[in-house]
Amino acid sequence: MTEEQRAALGEDLATWIESLGLEGHLTEAGLPTFRRDGDDGRARWIDPGTGGDLSLAQLRDVEQLLRSEGTEPEHAVPVSLLVLRRHARLREELLATPWHDYASLAELRGASLEATRFAVHKAASTHRLLVVPVEERSIVPAFQLSGDGEVRADLAPVLEPILAARMDPWRAWAWLTQPAGLLGGLVPERAVADPETADLVLTAAVRLAERVSAGS
């Protein structure tokens, strides 16, 4: 009976997670994962420590953790996984916009790879260039650059307080390129190019940096 309960609970949890589209974020959340094996495609939950199947007790612990949000546990949603999914989708959207690695930026600037790498590191260290880590490399979002590959003069004063506050690079990229609540829905990197809204953008950036610093 215990084996049947374990199989049934494992299948219920897996089906629920799949229905929410969250199966790809379990590892990132530090949770056990599952795969579907055998002819019947039943879910098999894996203990990350041993590589073996989770026991019924372990599965119940996983269920309790996933359903701990909300006033009605049977309808609860694993909020942490939803946040991870939202972040993953946002990253995908940002990476779909133009960006440069060292090689493409060097070509744009008409400079050597070594000189470009040094210039990027220097600008990043002085909070004048947003550099985003992607797996084992660093990329430079193109929105902050002029046609010759240099940092936009209008955007530099906005970048400085945000980067000095050590804001997460992905969050900074998103805030700068998407409608911002602090600006009534304006997109910061666009609004700063308009003399009528440039000061408003700078003020919003300073306030955002203060929030980031206060929360760190």
N, C-alpha and C. Protein backbone atom coordinates (compact mmCIF):
# COMPACT_ATOMS: atom_id res chain seq x y z
N MET A 1 0.84 -1.22 0.00
CA MET A 1 0.00 0.00 0.00
C MET A 1 0.87 1.25 0.00
N THR A 2 1.98 1.21 0.74
CA THR A 2 2.87 2.38 0.79
C THR A 2 3.43 2.71 -0.58
N GLU A 3 3.81 1.67 -1.34
CA GLU A 3 4.35 1.88 -2.68
C GLU A 3 3.30 2.51 -3.60
N GLU A 4 2.05 2.07 -3.47
CA GLU A 4 0.97 2.63 -4.27
C GLU A 4 0.74 4.09 -3.91
N GLN A 5 0.80 4.37 -2.61
CA GLN A 5 0.63 5.76 -2.17
C GLN A 5 1.76 6.63 -2.69
N ARG A 6 2.97 6.12 -2.65
CA ARG A 6 4.11 6.88 -3.12
C ARG A 6 3.99 7.17 -4.62
N ALA A 7 3.62 6.17 -5.38
CA ALA A 7 3.47 6.34 -6.82
C ALA A 7 2.35 7.33 -7.15
N ALA A 8 1.24 7.21 -6.41
CA ALA A 8 0.10 8.09 -6.68
C ALA A 8 0.43 9.54 -6.32
N LEU A 9 1.07 9.74 -5.17
CA LEU A 9 1.43 11.09 -4.76
C LEU A 9 2.46 11.69 -5.72
N GLY A 10 3.45 10.89 -6.11
CA GLY A 10 4.46 11.37 -7.05
C GLY A 10 3.85 11.79 -8.36
N GLU A 11 2.90 11.00 -8.85
CA GLU A 11 2.24 11.33 -10.11
C GLU A 11 1.38 12.58 -9.98
N ASP A 12 0.66 12.71 -8.87
CA ASP A 12 -0.17 13.89 -8.65
C ASP A 12 0.68 15.16 -8.62
N LEU A 13 1.80 15.11 -7.88
CA LEU A 13 2.67 16.28 -7.79
C LEU A 13 3.26 16.64 -9.14
N ALA A 14 3.72 15.63 -9.87
CA ALA A 14 4.33 15.87 -11.18
C ALA A 14 3.32 16.47 -12.15
N THR A 15 2.12 15.91 -12.17
CA THR A 15 1.08 16.41 -13.08
C THR A 15 0.73 17.85 -12.75
N TRP A 16 0.66 18.15 -11.45
CA TRP A 16 0.34 19.51 -11.01
C TRP A 16 1.43 20.49 -11.43
N ILE A 17 2.69 20.12 -11.20
CA ILE A 17 3.80 20.99 -11.56
C ILE A 17 3.84 21.20 -13.08
N GLU A 18 3.58 20.13 -13.84
CA GLU A 18 3.57 20.25 -15.30
C GLU A 18 2.44 21.15 -15.77
N SER A 19 1.30 21.08 -15.11
CA SER A 19 0.17 21.91 -15.51
C SER A 19 0.46 23.39 -15.33
N LEU A 20 1.38 23.70 -14.40
CA LEU A 20 1.78 25.09 -14.16
C LEU A 20 2.99 25.48 -15.00
N GLY A 21 3.56 24.52 -15.71
CA GLY A 21 4.73 24.80 -16.52
C GLY A 21 5.97 25.10 -15.72
N LEU A 22 6.10 24.46 -14.55
CA LEU A 22 7.19 24.79 -13.63
C LEU A 22 8.22 23.67 -13.49
N GLU A 23 8.08 22.60 -14.26
CA GLU A 23 8.97 21.46 -14.06
C GLU A 23 10.44 21.80 -14.33
N GLY A 24 10.68 22.80 -15.17
CA GLY A 24 12.05 23.15 -15.49
C GLY A 24 12.75 24.00 -14.46
N HIS A 25 12.05 24.35 -13.39
CA HIS A 25 12.62 25.26 -12.39
C HIS A 25 12.83 24.62 -11.02
N LEU A 26 12.61 23.33 -10.92
CA LEU A 26 12.75 22.65 -9.63
C LEU A 26 14.19 22.67 -9.14
N THR A 27 15.12 22.36 -10.02
CA THR A 27 16.53 22.33 -9.62
C THR A 27 16.99 23.69 -9.15
N GLU A 28 16.63 24.75 -9.90
CA GLU A 28 17.03 26.10 -9.54
C GLU A 28 16.50 26.50 -8.18
N ALA A 29 15.34 25.95 -7.82
CA ALA A 29 14.73 26.26 -6.52
C ALA A 29 15.28 25.37 -5.41
N GLY A 30 16.21 24.48 -5.76
CA GLY A 30 16.79 23.60 -4.75
C GLY A 30 15.88 22.46 -4.35
N LEU A 31 14.99 22.08 -5.25
CA LEU A 31 14.02 21.01 -4.95
C LEU A 31 14.36 19.74 -5.73
N PRO A 32 13.87 18.59 -5.27
CA PRO A 32 14.04 17.36 -6.05
C PRO A 32 13.35 17.51 -7.41
N THR A 33 13.82 16.76 -8.38
CA THR A 33 13.22 16.78 -9.71
C THR A 33 12.60 15.42 -10.00
N PHE A 34 11.88 15.36 -11.11
CA PHE A 34 11.27 14.08 -11.50
C PHE A 34 11.48 13.86 -12.99
N ARG A 35 11.40 12.62 -13.38
CA ARG A 35 11.39 12.28 -14.80
C ARG A 35 10.38 11.16 -15.00
N ARG A 36 9.99 10.97 -16.22
CA ARG A 36 8.99 9.95 -16.53
C ARG A 36 9.68 8.76 -17.20
N ASP A 37 9.63 7.64 -16.53
CA ASP A 37 10.29 6.44 -17.00
C ASP A 37 9.28 5.35 -17.32
N GLY A 38 9.74 4.35 -18.02
CA GLY A 38 8.93 3.16 -18.22
C GLY A 38 7.87 3.33 -19.29
N ASP A 39 7.19 2.24 -19.59
CA ASP A 39 6.16 2.24 -20.62
C ASP A 39 4.95 3.09 -20.23
N ASP A 40 4.69 3.17 -18.92
CA ASP A 40 3.51 3.91 -18.49
C ASP A 40 3.79 5.39 -18.29
N GLY A 41 5.06 5.79 -18.37
CA GLY A 41 5.40 7.22 -18.24
C GLY A 41 5.12 7.78 -16.88
N ARG A 42 5.11 6.94 -15.85
CA ARG A 42 4.85 7.41 -14.49
C ARG A 42 6.00 8.28 -14.00
N ALA A 43 5.68 9.27 -13.21
CA ALA A 43 6.69 10.19 -12.70
C ALA A 43 7.55 9.51 -11.65
N ARG A 44 8.85 9.70 -11.77
CA ARG A 44 9.80 9.17 -10.79
C ARG A 44 10.54 10.36 -10.18
N TRP A 45 10.32 10.61 -8.90
CA TRP A 45 10.96 11.71 -8.20
C TRP A 45 12.32 11.25 -7.68
N ILE A 46 13.34 12.07 -7.94
CA ILE A 46 14.72 11.68 -7.67
C ILE A 46 15.27 12.43 -6.45
N ASP A 47 15.89 11.69 -5.56
CA ASP A 47 16.61 12.29 -4.43
C ASP A 47 17.92 12.85 -4.96
N PRO A 48 18.13 14.18 -4.90
CA PRO A 48 19.35 14.77 -5.46
C PRO A 48 20.62 14.31 -4.75
N GLY A 49 20.48 13.83 -3.53
CA GLY A 49 21.65 13.39 -2.78
C GLY A 49 22.11 11.99 -3.13
N THR A 50 21.15 11.11 -3.34
CA THR A 50 21.49 9.71 -3.60
C THR A 50 21.24 9.26 -5.03
N GLY A 51 20.41 10.00 -5.75
CA GLY A 51 20.05 9.58 -7.10
C GLY A 51 18.97 8.52 -7.12
N GLY A 52 18.51 8.11 -5.94
CA GLY A 52 17.45 7.12 -5.85
C GLY A 52 16.07 7.75 -5.80
N ASP A 53 15.06 6.93 -5.72
CA ASP A 53 13.69 7.43 -5.65
C ASP A 53 13.41 8.05 -4.28
N LEU A 54 12.60 9.09 -4.28
CA LEU A 54 12.16 9.67 -3.02
C LEU A 54 11.21 8.70 -2.32
N SER A 55 11.31 8.67 -1.01
CA SER A 55 10.38 7.85 -0.23
C SER A 55 9.04 8.57 -0.11
N LEU A 56 8.05 7.86 0.39
CA LEU A 56 6.74 8.47 0.60
C LEU A 56 6.86 9.65 1.55
N ALA A 57 7.63 9.51 2.62
CA ALA A 57 7.80 10.60 3.58
C ALA A 57 8.46 11.81 2.92
N GLN A 58 9.45 11.55 2.08
CA GLN A 58 10.12 12.66 1.39
C GLN A 58 9.17 13.35 0.42
N LEU A 59 8.36 12.59 -0.28
CA LEU A 59 7.40 13.17 -1.19
C LEU A 59 6.38 14.03 -0.46
N ARG A 60 5.98 13.58 0.72
CA ARG A 60 5.05 14.38 1.51
C ARG A 60 5.70 15.69 1.96
N ASP A 61 6.99 15.63 2.25
CA ASP A 61 7.71 16.86 2.60
C ASP A 61 7.75 17.81 1.41
N VAL A 62 7.99 17.27 0.23
CA VAL A 62 8.02 18.10 -0.98
C VAL A 62 6.64 18.72 -1.22
N GLU A 63 5.60 17.91 -1.05
CA GLU A 63 4.24 18.42 -1.25
C GLU A 63 3.93 19.55 -0.26
N GLN A 64 4.30 19.36 0.98
CA GLN A 64 4.05 20.38 1.98
C GLN A 64 4.78 21.67 1.64
N LEU A 65 6.00 21.55 1.16
CA LEU A 65 6.78 22.73 0.79
C LEU A 65 6.16 23.44 -0.40
N LEU A 66 5.76 22.69 -1.42
CA LEU A 66 5.20 23.30 -2.61
C LEU A 66 3.84 23.93 -2.35
N ARG A 67 3.08 23.34 -1.43
CA ARG A 67 1.73 23.84 -1.17
C ARG A 67 1.66 24.73 0.07
N SER A 68 2.79 25.26 0.48
CA SER A 68 2.82 26.05 1.71
C SER A 68 2.32 27.47 1.51
N GLU A 69 2.13 27.90 0.25
CA GLU A 69 1.66 29.26 -0.02
C GLU A 69 0.15 29.25 -0.21
N GLY A 70 -0.51 30.28 0.28
CA GLY A 70 -1.94 30.40 0.06
C GLY A 70 -2.76 29.93 1.25
N THR A 71 -4.00 30.35 1.30
CA THR A 71 -4.87 30.01 2.43
C THR A 71 -5.52 28.65 2.25
N GLU A 72 -5.56 28.15 1.00
CA GLU A 72 -6.14 26.84 0.75
C GLU A 72 -5.05 25.97 0.14
N PRO A 73 -4.41 25.13 0.94
CA PRO A 73 -3.27 24.35 0.44
C PRO A 73 -3.55 23.54 -0.81
N GLU A 74 -4.78 23.02 -0.94
CA GLU A 74 -5.07 22.19 -2.12
C GLU A 74 -5.05 23.01 -3.40
N HIS A 75 -5.23 24.32 -3.28
CA HIS A 75 -5.20 25.20 -4.45
C HIS A 75 -3.98 26.11 -4.46
N ALA A 76 -3.06 25.87 -3.56
CA ALA A 76 -1.90 26.74 -3.44
C ALA A 76 -1.01 26.63 -4.67
N VAL A 77 -0.25 27.68 -4.90
CA VAL A 77 0.69 27.71 -6.01
C VAL A 77 2.09 27.90 -5.45
N PRO A 78 3.07 27.12 -5.92
CA PRO A 78 4.43 27.29 -5.42
C PRO A 78 5.02 28.62 -5.90
N VAL A 79 4.87 29.64 -5.08
CA VAL A 79 5.24 30.99 -5.46
C VAL A 79 6.70 31.09 -5.87
N SER A 80 7.58 30.42 -5.13
CA SER A 80 9.00 30.53 -5.46
C SER A 80 9.28 30.03 -6.87
N LEU A 81 8.59 28.97 -7.29
CA LEU A 81 8.77 28.46 -8.63
C LEU A 81 8.20 29.41 -9.68
N LEU A 82 7.08 30.04 -9.35
CA LEU A 82 6.49 31.02 -10.27
C LEU A 82 7.43 32.21 -10.47
N VAL A 83 8.07 32.63 -9.38
CA VAL A 83 9.02 33.74 -9.49
C VAL A 83 10.19 33.34 -10.37
N LEU A 84 10.70 32.12 -10.19
CA LEU A 84 11.80 31.65 -11.01
C LEU A 84 11.39 31.58 -12.47
N ARG A 85 10.18 31.11 -12.74
CA ARG A 85 9.70 31.05 -14.12
C ARG A 85 9.59 32.44 -14.73
N ARG A 86 9.08 33.38 -13.95
CA ARG A 86 8.95 34.75 -14.45
C ARG A 86 10.32 35.34 -14.76
N HIS A 87 11.28 35.08 -13.87
CA HIS A 87 12.64 35.58 -14.10
C HIS A 87 13.25 34.93 -15.35
N ALA A 88 13.00 33.65 -15.52
CA ALA A 88 13.55 32.95 -16.69
C ALA A 88 12.97 33.51 -17.98
N ARG A 89 11.67 33.77 -17.97
CA ARG A 89 11.04 34.33 -19.17
C ARG A 89 11.54 35.74 -19.44
N LEU A 90 11.74 36.51 -18.39
CA LEU A 90 12.25 37.86 -18.56
C LEU A 90 13.65 37.82 -19.16
N ARG A 91 14.48 36.91 -18.66
CA ARG A 91 15.83 36.78 -19.21
C ARG A 91 15.80 36.42 -20.68
N GLU A 92 14.89 35.52 -21.04
CA GLU A 92 14.76 35.14 -22.44
C GLU A 92 14.37 36.35 -23.29
N GLU A 93 13.45 37.17 -22.78
CA GLU A 93 13.03 38.37 -23.50
C GLU A 93 14.18 39.35 -23.66
N LEU A 94 14.95 39.52 -22.60
CA LEU A 94 16.08 40.45 -22.66
C LEU A 94 17.15 39.96 -23.62
N LEU A 95 17.43 38.66 -23.58
CA LEU A 95 18.45 38.10 -24.46
C LEU A 95 18.02 38.10 -25.92
N ALA A 96 16.72 38.29 -26.16
CA ALA A 96 16.23 38.39 -27.54
C ALA A 96 16.44 39.78 -28.12
N THR A 97 16.82 40.74 -27.28
CA THR A 97 17.13 42.08 -27.74
C THR A 97 18.62 42.17 -28.07
N PRO A 98 19.05 43.20 -28.82
CA PRO A 98 20.46 43.28 -29.23
C PRO A 98 21.42 43.39 -28.05
N TRP A 99 22.55 42.69 -28.15
CA TRP A 99 23.62 42.77 -27.17
C TRP A 99 24.92 42.40 -27.85
N HIS A 100 26.03 42.67 -27.16
CA HIS A 100 27.35 42.39 -27.71
C HIS A 100 28.17 41.54 -26.76
N ASP A 101 28.99 40.66 -27.34
CA ASP A 101 30.07 40.08 -26.57
C ASP A 101 31.33 40.90 -26.88
N TYR A 102 32.46 40.51 -26.32
CA TYR A 102 33.66 41.30 -26.54
C TYR A 102 34.04 41.38 -28.02
N ALA A 103 33.87 40.28 -28.74
CA ALA A 103 34.27 40.24 -30.14
C ALA A 103 33.42 41.17 -31.01
N SER A 104 32.10 41.11 -30.85
CA SER A 104 31.24 41.96 -31.68
C SER A 104 31.37 43.43 -31.31
N LEU A 105 31.61 43.70 -30.02
CA LEU A 105 31.80 45.09 -29.61
C LEU A 105 33.13 45.63 -30.15
N ALA A 106 34.15 44.79 -30.14
CA ALA A 106 35.43 45.21 -30.70
C ALA A 106 35.29 45.54 -32.18
N GLU A 107 34.52 44.74 -32.89
CA GLU A 107 34.29 45.01 -34.31
C GLU A 107 33.54 46.31 -34.51
N LEU A 108 32.52 46.55 -33.67
CA LEU A 108 31.75 47.79 -33.76
C LEU A 108 32.62 49.01 -33.49
N ARG A 109 33.51 48.88 -32.53
CA ARG A 109 34.38 50.00 -32.16
C ARG A 109 35.59 50.13 -33.07
N GLY A 110 35.85 49.12 -33.85
CA GLY A 110 37.05 49.15 -34.67
C GLY A 110 38.30 49.07 -33.84
N ALA A 111 38.23 48.30 -32.76
CA ALA A 111 39.35 48.17 -31.83
C ALA A 111 39.73 46.71 -31.68
N SER A 112 40.86 46.48 -31.04
CA SER A 112 41.29 45.10 -30.79
C SER A 112 40.43 44.47 -29.70
N LEU A 113 40.45 43.15 -29.67
CA LEU A 113 39.70 42.43 -28.65
C LEU A 113 40.23 42.77 -27.27
N GLU A 114 41.56 42.83 -27.14
CA GLU A 114 42.18 43.12 -25.84
C GLU A 114 41.82 44.52 -25.36
N ALA A 115 41.89 45.49 -26.26
CA ALA A 115 41.57 46.87 -25.89
C ALA A 115 40.11 47.00 -25.51
N THR A 116 39.26 46.29 -26.22
CA THR A 116 37.82 46.35 -25.92
C THR A 116 37.52 45.72 -24.57
N ARG A 117 38.14 44.59 -24.32
CA ARG A 117 37.93 43.92 -23.03
C ARG A 117 38.37 44.83 -21.88
N PHE A 118 39.51 45.47 -22.02
CA PHE A 118 40.01 46.37 -20.99
C PHE A 118 39.05 47.54 -20.80
N ALA A 119 38.57 48.13 -21.91
CA ALA A 119 37.67 49.28 -21.82
C ALA A 119 36.36 48.91 -21.15
N VAL A 120 35.85 47.72 -21.45
CA VAL A 120 34.60 47.26 -20.84
C VAL A 120 34.78 47.09 -19.34
N HIS A 121 35.87 46.45 -18.94
CA HIS A 121 36.13 46.24 -17.52
C HIS A 121 36.28 47.56 -16.78
N LYS A 122 36.97 48.51 -17.40
CA LYS A 122 37.16 49.81 -16.77
C LYS A 122 35.84 50.55 -16.62
N ALA A 123 35.03 50.56 -17.68
CA ALA A 123 33.75 51.26 -17.63
C ALA A 123 32.82 50.61 -16.61
N ALA A 124 32.85 49.28 -16.54
CA ALA A 124 32.00 48.59 -15.57
C ALA A 124 32.44 48.90 -14.14
N SER A 125 33.75 48.98 -13.92
CA SER A 125 34.26 49.22 -12.57
C SER A 125 33.96 50.63 -12.09
N THR A 126 33.75 51.55 -13.02
CA THR A 126 33.41 52.93 -12.66
C THR A 126 31.91 53.19 -12.79
N HIS A 127 31.13 52.12 -12.91
CA HIS A 127 29.66 52.19 -12.92
C HIS A 127 29.13 52.97 -14.12
N ARG A 128 29.79 52.84 -15.25
CA ARG A 128 29.36 53.55 -16.45
C ARG A 128 28.94 52.59 -17.57
N LEU A 129 28.92 51.32 -17.30
CA LEU A 129 28.53 50.36 -18.32
C LEU A 129 27.91 49.14 -17.64
N LEU A 130 26.73 48.75 -18.10
CA LEU A 130 26.06 47.56 -17.58
C LEU A 130 26.59 46.33 -18.31
N VAL A 131 27.20 45.43 -17.57
CA VAL A 131 27.70 44.17 -18.10
C VAL A 131 26.94 43.04 -17.40
N VAL A 132 26.41 42.13 -18.17
CA VAL A 132 25.53 41.09 -17.62
C VAL A 132 26.18 39.72 -17.78
N PRO A 133 26.29 38.95 -16.69
CA PRO A 133 26.85 37.60 -16.79
C PRO A 133 25.83 36.64 -17.37
N VAL A 134 26.26 35.87 -18.36
CA VAL A 134 25.41 34.85 -18.96
C VAL A 134 26.22 33.57 -19.02
N GLU A 135 25.88 32.64 -18.15
CA GLU A 135 26.63 31.40 -18.01
C GLU A 135 28.10 31.72 -17.75
N GLU A 136 28.99 31.38 -18.69
CA GLU A 136 30.42 31.59 -18.43
C GLU A 136 31.00 32.77 -19.21
N ARG A 137 30.15 33.66 -19.66
CA ARG A 137 30.64 34.83 -20.41
C ARG A 137 29.92 36.07 -19.93
N SER A 138 30.38 37.21 -20.42
CA SER A 138 29.76 38.49 -20.09
C SER A 138 29.29 39.15 -21.38
N ILE A 139 28.12 39.78 -21.31
CA ILE A 139 27.59 40.47 -22.49
C ILE A 139 27.26 41.91 -22.14
N VAL A 140 27.23 42.74 -23.17
CA VAL A 140 26.94 44.16 -23.00
C VAL A 140 25.64 44.47 -23.75
N PRO A 141 24.54 44.74 -23.04
CA PRO A 141 23.29 45.10 -23.71
C PRO A 141 23.49 46.32 -24.61
N ALA A 142 22.98 46.26 -25.83
CA ALA A 142 23.27 47.28 -26.83
C ALA A 142 22.51 48.58 -26.61
N PHE A 143 21.42 48.56 -25.86
CA PHE A 143 20.62 49.77 -25.70
C PHE A 143 21.41 50.93 -25.12
N GLN A 144 22.46 50.62 -24.36
CA GLN A 144 23.22 51.65 -23.66
C GLN A 144 24.35 52.23 -24.50
N LEU A 145 24.49 51.76 -25.73
CA LEU A 145 25.61 52.17 -26.57
C LEU A 145 25.15 53.06 -27.71
N SER A 146 26.06 53.94 -28.12
CA SER A 146 25.83 54.76 -29.30
C SER A 146 26.20 53.96 -30.54
N GLY A 147 26.04 54.56 -31.70
CA GLY A 147 26.32 53.86 -32.94
C GLY A 147 27.75 53.40 -33.09
N ASP A 148 28.69 54.08 -32.41
CA ASP A 148 30.09 53.68 -32.50
C ASP A 148 30.53 52.77 -31.36
N GLY A 149 29.56 52.33 -30.56
CA GLY A 149 29.87 51.37 -29.51
C GLY A 149 30.27 51.97 -28.18
N GLU A 150 30.20 53.28 -28.05
CA GLU A 150 30.52 53.93 -26.78
C GLU A 150 29.26 54.10 -25.94
N VAL A 151 29.45 54.29 -24.65
CA VAL A 151 28.30 54.47 -23.76
C VAL A 151 27.59 55.78 -24.11
N ARG A 152 26.28 55.71 -24.20
CA ARG A 152 25.50 56.91 -24.51
C ARG A 152 25.70 57.96 -23.42
N ALA A 153 26.00 59.17 -23.85
CA ALA A 153 26.25 60.26 -22.89
C ALA A 153 25.01 60.57 -22.07
N ASP A 154 23.83 60.44 -22.67
CA ASP A 154 22.60 60.75 -21.94
C ASP A 154 22.27 59.70 -20.90
N LEU A 155 22.73 58.45 -21.11
CA LEU A 155 22.37 57.36 -20.23
C LEU A 155 23.37 57.15 -19.09
N ALA A 156 24.60 57.60 -19.28
CA ALA A 156 25.63 57.37 -18.26
C ALA A 156 25.23 57.85 -16.87
N PRO A 157 24.63 59.04 -16.72
CA PRO A 157 24.24 59.50 -15.37
C PRO A 157 23.15 58.64 -14.73
N VAL A 158 22.40 57.93 -15.56
CA VAL A 158 21.36 57.04 -15.04
C VAL A 158 21.97 55.72 -14.61
N LEU A 159 22.95 55.24 -15.37
CA LEU A 159 23.60 53.99 -15.04
C LEU A 159 24.38 54.07 -13.73
N GLU A 160 25.04 55.18 -13.51
CA GLU A 160 25.97 55.28 -12.38
C GLU A 160 25.34 54.97 -11.03
N PRO A 161 24.24 55.62 -10.63
CA PRO A 161 23.69 55.31 -9.29
C PRO A 161 23.18 53.88 -9.19
N ILE A 162 22.59 53.35 -10.25
CA ILE A 162 22.05 52.00 -10.22
C ILE A 162 23.17 50.97 -10.07
N LEU A 163 24.22 51.13 -10.86
CA LEU A 163 25.32 50.17 -10.82
C LEU A 163 26.14 50.33 -9.54
N ALA A 164 26.27 51.56 -9.06
CA ALA A 164 27.01 51.78 -7.81
C ALA A 164 26.29 51.12 -6.63
N ALA A 165 24.98 51.01 -6.72
CA ALA A 165 24.19 50.37 -5.65
C ALA A 165 24.26 48.84 -5.73
N ARG A 166 24.99 48.34 -6.71
CA ARG A 166 25.15 46.89 -6.93
C ARG A 166 23.82 46.20 -7.19
N MET A 167 23.01 46.86 -7.97
CA MET A 167 21.75 46.26 -8.37
C MET A 167 22.03 45.05 -9.24
N ASP A 168 21.22 44.01 -9.10
CA ASP A 168 21.38 42.83 -9.92
C ASP A 168 21.38 43.23 -11.39
N PRO A 169 22.36 42.80 -12.17
CA PRO A 169 22.46 43.24 -13.57
C PRO A 169 21.22 42.94 -14.40
N TRP A 170 20.62 41.76 -14.19
CA TRP A 170 19.41 41.43 -14.94
C TRP A 170 18.27 42.37 -14.57
N ARG A 171 18.15 42.67 -13.29
CA ARG A 171 17.10 43.58 -12.85
C ARG A 171 17.34 44.98 -13.40
N ALA A 172 18.60 45.41 -13.42
CA ALA A 172 18.93 46.72 -13.97
C ALA A 172 18.58 46.77 -15.46
N TRP A 173 18.93 45.72 -16.19
CA TRP A 173 18.63 45.66 -17.62
C TRP A 173 17.13 45.77 -17.83
N ALA A 174 16.37 45.03 -17.04
CA ALA A 174 14.92 45.06 -17.19
C ALA A 174 14.35 46.44 -16.86
N TRP A 175 14.81 47.04 -15.76
CA TRP A 175 14.27 48.34 -15.36
C TRP A 175 14.56 49.41 -16.40
N LEU A 176 15.72 49.37 -16.95
CA LEU A 176 16.13 50.40 -17.91
C LEU A 176 15.41 50.31 -19.25
N THR A 177 14.94 49.12 -19.59
CA THR A 177 14.40 48.91 -20.94
C THR A 177 12.92 48.59 -20.98
N GLN A 178 12.25 48.59 -19.83
CA GLN A 178 10.83 48.31 -19.80
C GLN A 178 10.09 49.43 -19.08
N PRO A 179 8.77 49.55 -19.30
CA PRO A 179 8.01 50.60 -18.62
C PRO A 179 8.21 50.55 -17.11
N ALA A 180 8.52 51.69 -16.52
CA ALA A 180 8.85 51.76 -15.09
C ALA A 180 7.76 52.47 -14.32
N GLY A 181 7.37 51.87 -13.19
CA GLY A 181 6.34 52.48 -12.36
C GLY A 181 6.74 53.84 -11.82
N LEU A 182 8.02 54.00 -11.50
CA LEU A 182 8.50 55.28 -10.98
C LEU A 182 8.43 56.39 -12.02
N LEU A 183 8.22 56.01 -13.27
CA LEU A 183 8.17 57.00 -14.37
C LEU A 183 6.80 57.02 -15.03
N GLY A 184 5.82 56.49 -14.34
CA GLY A 184 4.48 56.50 -14.91
C GLY A 184 4.35 55.71 -16.18
N GLY A 185 5.16 54.65 -16.32
CA GLY A 185 5.07 53.80 -17.49
C GLY A 185 6.05 54.12 -18.60
N LEU A 186 6.84 55.17 -18.43
CA LEU A 186 7.86 55.48 -19.43
C LEU A 186 9.00 54.47 -19.36
N VAL A 187 9.67 54.25 -20.48
CA VAL A 187 10.84 53.38 -20.54
C VAL A 187 12.07 54.23 -20.28
N PRO A 188 12.80 53.98 -19.19
CA PRO A 188 13.90 54.86 -18.79
C PRO A 188 14.91 55.16 -19.89
N GLU A 189 15.41 54.14 -20.60
CA GLU A 189 16.47 54.39 -21.57
C GLU A 189 15.97 55.23 -22.75
N ARG A 190 14.68 55.24 -22.99
CA ARG A 190 14.12 56.08 -24.04
C ARG A 190 13.79 57.47 -23.51
N ALA A 191 13.20 57.50 -22.32
CA ALA A 191 12.78 58.78 -21.75
C ALA A 191 13.96 59.69 -21.44
N VAL A 192 15.12 59.11 -21.11
CA VAL A 192 16.28 59.94 -20.77
C VAL A 192 16.81 60.69 -22.00
N ALA A 193 16.46 60.22 -23.19
CA ALA A 193 16.90 60.89 -24.41
C ALA A 193 16.06 62.13 -24.72
N ASP A 194 14.94 62.28 -24.01
CA ASP A 194 14.05 63.44 -24.19
C ASP A 194 14.38 64.48 -23.12
N PRO A 195 14.81 65.67 -23.51
CA PRO A 195 15.16 66.69 -22.52
C PRO A 195 14.04 66.99 -21.53
N GLU A 196 12.80 66.78 -21.94
CA GLU A 196 11.68 67.09 -21.06
C GLU A 196 11.50 66.05 -19.95
N THR A 197 12.01 64.86 -20.14
CA THR A 197 11.85 63.80 -19.12
C THR A 197 13.18 63.29 -18.58
N ALA A 198 14.29 63.81 -19.06
CA ALA A 198 15.61 63.31 -18.65
C ALA A 198 15.82 63.45 -17.15
N ASP A 199 15.48 64.61 -16.59
CA ASP A 199 15.68 64.82 -15.15
C ASP A 199 14.81 63.87 -14.32
N LEU A 200 13.61 63.59 -14.83
CA LEU A 200 12.72 62.68 -14.13
C LEU A 200 13.32 61.27 -14.08
N VAL A 201 13.95 60.86 -15.17
CA VAL A 201 14.57 59.54 -15.22
C VAL A 201 15.73 59.46 -14.23
N LEU A 202 16.55 60.51 -14.20
CA LEU A 202 17.68 60.52 -13.28
C LEU A 202 17.21 60.46 -11.83
N THR A 203 16.17 61.20 -11.50
CA THR A 203 15.63 61.17 -10.14
C THR A 203 15.11 59.78 -9.79
N ALA A 204 14.42 59.15 -10.74
CA ALA A 204 13.90 57.80 -10.51
C ALA A 204 15.04 56.80 -10.31
N ALA A 205 16.12 56.97 -11.07
CA ALA A 205 17.26 56.07 -10.94
C ALA A 205 17.91 56.21 -9.56
N VAL A 206 18.02 57.43 -9.09
CA VAL A 206 18.61 57.66 -7.77
C VAL A 206 17.73 57.05 -6.68
N ARG A 207 16.43 57.21 -6.80
CA ARG A 207 15.52 56.63 -5.81
C ARG A 207 15.56 55.11 -5.83
N LEU A 208 15.63 54.55 -7.03
CA LEU A 208 15.73 53.10 -7.15
C LEU A 208 17.02 52.60 -6.51
N ALA A 209 18.11 53.30 -6.77
CA ALA A 209 19.40 52.92 -6.18
C ALA A 209 19.35 52.97 -4.67
N GLU A 210 18.67 53.96 -4.12
CA GLU A 210 18.55 54.07 -2.66
C GLU A 210 17.77 52.89 -2.10
N ARG A 211 16.74 52.45 -2.80
CA ARG A 211 15.97 51.28 -2.35
C ARG A 211 16.83 50.03 -2.38
N VAL A 212 17.61 49.89 -3.46
CA VAL A 212 18.47 48.72 -3.58
C VAL A 212 19.50 48.70 -2.46
N SER A 213 20.11 49.85 -2.19
CA SER A 213 21.11 49.93 -1.14
C SER A 213 20.52 49.65 0.23
N ALA A 214 19.30 50.14 0.45
CA ALA A 214 18.65 49.94 1.74
C ALA A 214 18.29 48.48 1.97
N GLY A 215 18.04 47.77 0.86
CA GLY A 215 17.63 46.39 0.98
C GLY A 215 18.78 45.40 1.01
N SER A 216 19.98 45.89 0.76
CA SER A 216 21.14 44.98 0.71
C SER A 216 21.74 44.76 2.07
